[in-house]
């Protein structure tokens, strides 16, 4: 039997409140972040006029969080009546395929679970680029969750994220444009209002 993590304030409850807000006009009262959320939703107002296939697209590094945080988050959202797209396949070394690209485009909200090894995956980084593109062009709402990582490391590609880019720079030394795109996109995403979650088993 699958063990569910209780939904607590400062963890899943804050995330779910954003999804509730995305489908209604009143903004839930989340202390300390209400003004940031207002900015997030006002900048994505065009999303309300589009017909979305999914409520939420989950972006995550499967090897980091599939069997713990993301798995529990997925079922918590389903229990709340949220229609979630989650990629069940473990992907390595491929470009985004058309079905996954469409799933991103057809999702009203994208939740990005930044974990310690997220930036090691070129797949995750390409997925992130597509998500932020949809935020700009389709009005998609993007919500970052920093799972056991410092948001400043994501924003500035320092710490564990700097180590990941050392590997990418060796592999893609002739494609500096792509490397810079990944860096800029991480910075852009990490500057959005989000939530910080610590791994209770870490």
Protein backbone atom coordinates (compact mmCIF):
# COMPACT_ATOMS: atom_id res chain seq x y z
CA UNK A 1 0.00 0.00 0.00
CA UNK A 2 1.37 3.41 -1.00
CA UNK A 3 2.23 5.66 1.91
CA UNK A 4 0.97 9.22 1.45
CA UNK A 5 2.78 12.19 2.90
CA UNK A 6 0.39 14.43 4.89
CA UNK A 7 -0.35 17.73 3.18
CA UNK A 8 1.11 20.42 5.43
CA UNK A 9 1.25 24.20 5.25
CA UNK A 10 4.60 25.21 3.78
CA UNK A 11 4.70 21.99 1.77
CA UNK A 12 1.99 20.64 -0.55
CA UNK A 13 -0.74 22.92 0.83
CA UNK A 14 0.97 26.00 -0.61
CA UNK A 15 1.37 24.34 -4.00
CA UNK A 16 -2.25 23.19 -4.12
CA UNK A 17 -3.49 26.65 -3.15
CA UNK A 18 -1.90 27.98 -6.34
CA UNK A 19 -3.77 25.42 -8.42
CA UNK A 20 -7.01 26.36 -6.71
CA UNK A 21 -6.23 30.00 -7.43
CA UNK A 22 -5.56 29.20 -11.09
CA UNK A 23 -9.13 28.04 -11.44
CA UNK A 24 -10.82 30.82 -9.50
CA UNK A 25 -10.56 34.56 -9.10
CA UNK A 26 -9.88 35.02 -5.36
CA UNK A 27 -6.28 34.62 -4.27
CA UNK A 28 -5.80 32.36 -1.24
CA UNK A 29 -4.18 33.97 1.79
CA UNK A 30 -0.62 32.64 1.94
CA UNK A 31 1.37 34.78 4.35
CA UNK A 32 4.48 36.43 2.97
CA UNK A 33 3.96 35.44 -0.67
CA UNK A 34 0.59 36.96 -1.61
CA UNK A 35 2.08 39.95 -3.42
CA UNK A 36 4.43 37.71 -5.43
CA UNK A 37 1.57 35.45 -6.41
CA UNK A 38 -0.47 38.45 -7.56
CA UNK A 39 2.39 39.36 -9.89
CA UNK A 40 2.63 35.78 -11.16
CA UNK A 41 -1.07 35.49 -11.97
CA UNK A 42 -1.49 38.99 -13.38
CA UNK A 43 1.41 38.37 -15.78
CA UNK A 44 -0.26 35.12 -16.90
CA UNK A 45 -3.83 36.42 -17.24
CA UNK A 46 -4.08 35.23 -20.85
CA UNK A 47 -4.03 31.63 -19.60
CA UNK A 48 -7.65 31.91 -18.44
CA UNK A 49 -8.93 32.29 -22.03
CA UNK A 50 -7.22 29.17 -23.42
CA UNK A 51 -8.67 25.66 -23.36
CA UNK A 52 -6.13 23.53 -21.54
CA UNK A 53 -5.97 19.74 -21.68
CA UNK A 54 -4.13 19.46 -18.34
CA UNK A 55 -4.24 21.54 -15.20
CA UNK A 56 -0.62 20.82 -14.28
CA UNK A 57 2.54 19.57 -15.98
CA UNK A 58 5.15 18.20 -13.57
CA UNK A 59 8.78 18.75 -14.55
CA UNK A 60 11.30 16.84 -12.42
CA UNK A 61 14.48 14.75 -12.43
CA UNK A 62 13.14 11.22 -12.12
CA UNK A 63 16.25 9.75 -10.54
CA UNK A 64 16.05 12.36 -7.75
CA UNK A 65 12.39 12.62 -6.82
CA UNK A 66 10.19 10.16 -8.73
CA UNK A 67 9.97 7.72 -5.83
CA UNK A 68 9.58 10.33 -3.10
CA UNK A 69 8.53 13.97 -3.33
CA UNK A 70 7.20 14.08 -6.90
CA UNK A 71 5.31 10.81 -6.48
CA UNK A 72 3.61 12.08 -3.32
CA UNK A 73 2.92 15.47 -4.89
CA UNK A 74 1.34 13.82 -7.93
CA UNK A 75 -1.08 11.78 -5.82
CA UNK A 76 -1.85 14.74 -3.55
CA UNK A 77 -2.86 16.75 -6.60
CA UNK A 78 -4.93 13.90 -8.03
CA UNK A 79 -6.70 13.58 -4.68
CA UNK A 80 -7.50 17.31 -4.92
CA UNK A 81 -9.14 16.78 -8.33
CA UNK A 82 -6.30 18.29 -10.35
CA UNK A 83 -5.61 16.82 -13.81
CA UNK A 84 -1.87 16.23 -13.87
CA UNK A 85 0.50 15.21 -16.65
CA UNK A 86 3.51 13.27 -15.42
CA UNK A 87 6.09 11.64 -17.70
CA UNK A 88 6.42 8.03 -16.53
CA UNK A 89 9.42 7.23 -18.70
CA UNK A 90 13.06 7.55 -17.67
CA UNK A 91 14.69 9.49 -20.53
CA UNK A 92 18.38 9.96 -21.24
CA UNK A 93 20.21 11.78 -24.00
CA UNK A 94 17.23 12.57 -26.23
CA UNK A 95 15.65 15.76 -27.47
CA UNK A 96 12.09 16.48 -26.45
CA UNK A 97 9.67 14.34 -28.43
CA UNK A 98 6.45 15.78 -29.93
CA UNK A 99 4.02 14.16 -27.44
CA UNK A 100 5.88 15.65 -24.46
CA UNK A 101 6.17 19.03 -26.15
CA UNK A 102 2.40 19.02 -26.74
CA UNK A 103 1.76 18.06 -23.12
CA UNK A 104 3.74 21.09 -21.96
CA UNK A 105 1.87 23.38 -24.36
CA UNK A 106 -1.50 21.98 -23.26
CA UNK A 107 -0.93 22.48 -19.52
CA UNK A 108 -2.26 25.52 -17.72
CA UNK A 109 0.37 25.31 -14.97
CA UNK A 110 3.90 23.93 -15.00
CA UNK A 111 5.42 22.90 -11.68
CA UNK A 112 9.20 22.59 -11.81
CA UNK A 113 10.72 20.45 -9.06
CA UNK A 114 14.31 21.65 -8.84
CA UNK A 115 16.33 18.93 -7.12
CA UNK A 116 20.04 18.47 -6.51
CA UNK A 117 20.73 16.70 -9.81
CA UNK A 118 18.13 18.48 -11.94
CA UNK A 119 20.72 20.46 -13.93
CA UNK A 120 22.73 17.33 -14.74
CA UNK A 121 19.98 16.30 -17.16
CA UNK A 122 20.03 17.98 -20.57
CA UNK A 123 16.50 16.59 -20.99
CA UNK A 124 15.30 18.50 -17.91
CA UNK A 125 17.01 21.67 -19.09
CA UNK A 126 15.46 21.44 -22.57
CA UNK A 127 12.09 20.79 -20.92
CA UNK A 128 12.58 23.88 -18.77
CA UNK A 129 13.37 25.99 -21.85
CA UNK A 130 10.11 24.86 -23.44
CA UNK A 131 8.14 25.60 -20.27
CA UNK A 132 9.47 29.13 -19.97
CA UNK A 133 8.76 29.67 -23.67
CA UNK A 134 5.13 28.66 -23.03
CA UNK A 135 5.01 31.08 -20.10
CA UNK A 136 5.95 33.92 -22.43
CA UNK A 137 3.89 32.91 -25.48
CA UNK A 138 0.85 31.09 -24.05
CA UNK A 139 0.46 32.64 -20.62
CA UNK A 140 1.28 29.38 -18.87
CA UNK A 141 1.66 29.72 -15.11
CA UNK A 142 5.01 28.45 -13.85
CA UNK A 143 5.65 27.53 -10.23
CA UNK A 144 9.11 26.40 -9.06
CA UNK A 145 9.57 24.07 -6.10
CA UNK A 146 13.10 23.96 -4.67
CA UNK A 147 13.41 20.47 -3.24
CA UNK A 148 16.41 20.36 -0.91
CA UNK A 149 18.28 22.93 -3.01
CA UNK A 150 19.10 26.58 -2.41
CA UNK A 151 17.18 28.80 -4.86
CA UNK A 152 20.29 30.97 -5.24
CA UNK A 153 22.23 27.95 -6.54
CA UNK A 154 19.58 27.47 -9.21
CA UNK A 155 19.43 31.17 -10.02
CA UNK A 156 23.20 31.69 -10.25
CA UNK A 157 24.29 28.15 -11.19
CA UNK A 158 26.47 27.86 -8.11
CA UNK A 159 27.07 24.96 -5.74
CA UNK A 160 25.76 21.64 -7.04
CA UNK A 161 24.41 23.41 -10.16
CA UNK A 162 27.87 24.75 -10.99
CA UNK A 163 29.20 21.18 -10.89
CA UNK A 164 26.53 20.10 -13.38
CA UNK A 165 27.49 22.87 -15.79
CA UNK A 166 31.15 21.90 -15.66
CA UNK A 167 30.11 18.57 -17.17
CA UNK A 168 27.87 20.25 -19.77
CA UNK A 169 30.68 22.63 -20.76
CA UNK A 170 33.01 19.70 -21.45
CA UNK A 171 30.36 17.92 -23.51
CA UNK A 172 29.02 20.97 -25.36
CA UNK A 173 32.14 23.12 -25.63
CA UNK A 174 31.20 23.96 -29.24
CA UNK A 175 27.64 24.98 -28.38
CA UNK A 176 28.06 27.94 -26.06
CA UNK A 177 24.72 29.37 -27.22
CA UNK A 178 22.81 26.40 -25.83
CA UNK A 179 24.74 26.51 -22.56
CA UNK A 180 23.90 30.19 -22.15
CA UNK A 181 20.25 29.52 -22.98
CA UNK A 182 20.11 26.91 -20.21
CA UNK A 183 21.75 29.33 -17.76
CA UNK A 184 19.41 32.18 -18.63
CA UNK A 185 16.37 29.93 -18.35
CA UNK A 186 17.39 28.62 -14.92
CA UNK A 187 17.85 32.18 -13.72
CA UNK A 188 14.47 33.24 -15.11
CA UNK A 189 12.65 30.30 -13.54
CA UNK A 190 14.35 30.64 -10.16
CA UNK A 191 13.29 34.29 -9.97
CA UNK A 192 9.60 33.31 -9.97
CA UNK A 193 7.57 33.00 -6.78
CA UNK A 194 7.82 29.42 -5.55
CA UNK A 195 8.26 27.16 -2.57
CA UNK A 196 11.21 25.73 -0.68
CA UNK A 197 10.85 22.13 0.55
CA UNK A 198 13.43 20.26 2.59
CA UNK A 199 13.91 16.54 2.24
CA UNK A 200 12.87 15.09 5.62
CA UNK A 201 15.12 12.10 4.97
CA UNK A 202 18.08 14.13 3.73
